[in-house]
Amino acid sequence: MNREYKTGEIQAGKPVQQVPWLEWLAAGIGLFLVLGIFGVIGWQALNGATVPPVITVTVENVTPVEGGYRVLFRAQNTAGEAAAQVEVEGKVSTDSGEEVSQVVIDYVPGHSDRRGGLFFTRDPSSGTLAVRAIGFADP
């Protein structure tokens, strides 16, 4: 049995269900999070997140301490990939010889920096102080 309805007539049957506002809100938050994740992944792909570590070391402070001198430095990773077990070496060269001090920084994430210190018995200001990164490992 087929019934034809005219436009404008009220039809009996299932009521039209509306989507609750909370469901729309949850869907919107989910869409925002998914688009944000894809955006971050795309940004990292385009901005060198896969470039091997480049560690530069700069001296920040030289201070006399008991038994010698402390040299504070900052190791900065300007590339996208992280570096582990970063070895930093400092050399103080004077007329009477050379003194070497080394330290290992556990982890330097990409586009970030870590601070550390080296100890010397000779005064770094009485000669030439050179501080550099000498190696790293993949995390």
Protein backbone atom coordinates (compact mmCIF):
# COMPACT_ATOMS: atom_id res chain seq x y z
CA MET A 1 0.00 0.00 0.00
CA ASN A 2 1.57 3.25 -1.14
CA ARG A 3 0.53 6.55 0.24
CA GLU A 4 1.39 9.82 -1.34
CA TYR A 5 1.77 12.88 0.81
CA LYS A 6 1.14 16.37 -0.26
CA THR A 7 3.59 19.10 0.57
CA GLY A 8 2.81 20.73 3.84
CA GLU A 9 1.01 17.75 5.39
CA ILE A 10 2.15 16.48 8.73
CA GLN A 11 3.55 13.00 8.53
CA ALA A 12 3.21 10.57 11.36
CA GLY A 13 6.21 8.40 12.11
CA LYS A 14 9.64 8.83 13.60
CA PRO A 15 10.35 12.26 15.04
CA VAL A 16 13.31 14.15 13.56
CA GLN A 17 16.24 13.89 15.98
CA GLN A 18 18.56 16.82 16.42
CA VAL A 19 22.23 16.38 17.25
CA PRO A 20 22.93 17.59 20.80
CA TRP A 21 25.22 20.61 21.14
CA LEU A 22 27.66 18.62 23.31
CA GLU A 23 28.19 16.16 20.46
CA TRP A 24 28.94 19.05 18.07
CA LEU A 25 31.40 20.45 20.61
CA ALA A 26 33.19 17.10 20.99
CA ALA A 27 33.39 16.70 17.20
CA GLY A 28 34.79 20.22 16.84
CA ILE A 29 37.46 19.62 19.49
CA GLY A 30 38.43 16.34 17.81
CA LEU A 31 38.70 18.02 14.42
CA PHE A 32 40.83 20.80 15.93
CA LEU A 33 43.21 18.27 17.53
CA VAL A 34 43.59 16.19 14.36
CA LEU A 35 44.26 19.26 12.21
CA GLY A 36 46.74 20.52 14.82
CA ILE A 37 48.67 17.26 14.80
CA PHE A 38 48.88 17.25 11.01
CA GLY A 39 49.99 20.89 11.12
CA VAL A 40 52.82 20.16 13.56
CA ILE A 41 54.00 17.17 11.53
CA GLY A 42 53.95 19.25 8.34
CA TRP A 43 55.80 22.13 10.00
CA GLN A 44 58.51 19.79 11.28
CA ALA A 45 58.89 18.18 7.86
CA LEU A 46 59.32 21.56 6.17
CA ASN A 47 61.56 23.16 8.82
CA GLY A 48 64.38 20.66 9.07
CA ALA A 49 63.34 18.36 11.92
CA THR A 50 65.41 15.66 10.24
CA VAL A 51 68.66 17.65 10.04
CA PRO A 52 71.47 15.98 12.08
CA PRO A 53 72.56 17.79 15.27
CA VAL A 54 74.74 20.90 15.05
CA ILE A 55 76.16 21.70 18.49
CA THR A 56 77.78 25.09 19.17
CA VAL A 57 79.33 25.87 22.54
CA THR A 58 79.70 29.38 23.97
CA VAL A 59 81.35 30.41 27.23
CA GLU A 60 79.04 32.32 29.57
CA ASN A 61 81.08 32.84 32.72
CA VAL A 62 84.55 32.21 34.21
CA THR A 63 84.69 32.25 37.99
CA PRO A 64 87.48 31.51 40.47
CA VAL A 65 86.48 28.68 42.83
CA GLU A 66 88.29 26.77 45.54
CA GLY A 67 91.09 24.82 43.88
CA GLY A 68 90.89 26.49 40.47
CA TYR A 69 88.45 28.05 38.02
CA ARG A 70 84.96 27.18 36.82
CA VAL A 71 83.94 27.86 33.21
CA LEU A 72 80.18 27.86 32.62
CA PHE A 73 79.08 27.24 29.05
CA ARG A 74 75.96 26.81 26.93
CA ALA A 75 75.72 24.01 24.34
CA GLN A 76 73.11 24.89 21.71
CA ASN A 77 71.68 22.47 19.17
CA THR A 78 70.58 24.54 16.16
CA ALA A 79 69.35 21.55 14.13
CA GLY A 80 66.14 19.54 14.35
CA GLU A 81 67.38 16.16 15.54
CA ALA A 82 68.37 15.53 19.14
CA ALA A 83 71.86 14.57 20.32
CA ALA A 84 72.77 12.28 23.20
CA GLN A 85 76.03 11.91 25.12
CA VAL A 86 77.37 15.24 23.83
CA GLU A 87 81.06 15.55 24.72
CA VAL A 88 82.28 19.07 25.43
CA GLU A 89 86.00 19.79 25.71
CA GLY A 90 87.72 22.88 27.04
CA LYS A 91 91.41 23.74 26.65
CA VAL A 92 93.38 26.41 28.45
CA SER A 93 96.65 27.14 26.64
CA THR A 94 99.30 29.20 28.42
CA ASP A 95 103.04 29.69 28.02
CA SER A 96 103.64 26.98 30.61
CA GLY A 97 101.51 24.36 28.85
CA GLU A 98 98.01 23.20 28.12
CA GLU A 99 95.21 21.91 30.37
CA VAL A 100 92.20 19.96 29.09
CA SER A 101 88.83 19.42 30.79
CA GLN A 102 85.89 17.42 29.46
CA VAL A 103 82.24 16.89 30.34
CA VAL A 104 79.41 14.80 28.83
CA ILE A 105 75.91 16.26 28.49
CA ASP A 106 73.32 13.48 28.52
CA TYR A 107 70.81 14.91 26.03
CA VAL A 108 70.37 18.05 23.92
CA PRO A 109 67.01 18.17 22.08
CA GLY A 110 66.70 19.79 18.67
CA HIS A 111 66.40 23.59 18.63
CA SER A 112 67.32 23.91 22.31
CA ASP A 113 70.28 24.32 24.62
CA ARG A 114 71.78 22.91 27.80
CA ARG A 115 74.21 24.46 30.24
CA GLY A 116 77.24 22.91 31.92
CA GLY A 117 80.60 23.66 33.45
CA LEU A 118 84.27 22.77 33.23
CA PHE A 119 86.92 23.03 35.94
CA PHE A 120 90.53 24.13 35.42
CA THR A 121 93.47 24.63 37.76
CA ARG A 122 94.97 27.31 35.47
CA ASP A 123 93.40 30.72 35.04
CA PRO A 124 91.61 30.77 31.63
CA SER A 125 92.11 34.55 31.40
CA SER A 126 95.92 34.15 31.60
CA GLY A 127 95.99 32.25 28.31
CA THR A 128 93.73 31.09 25.52
CA LEU A 129 90.45 29.32 26.34
CA ALA A 130 88.84 27.14 23.66
CA VAL A 131 85.57 25.27 24.32
CA ARG A 132 83.94 23.03 21.71
CA ALA A 133 81.73 19.99 21.23
CA ILE A 134 83.81 16.99 20.18
CA GLY A 135 81.14 14.32 19.68
CA PHE A 136 77.61 13.02 20.19
CA ALA A 137 75.55 9.85 19.82
CA ASP A 138 72.09 9.25 18.35
CA PRO A 139 69.50 9.03 21.13
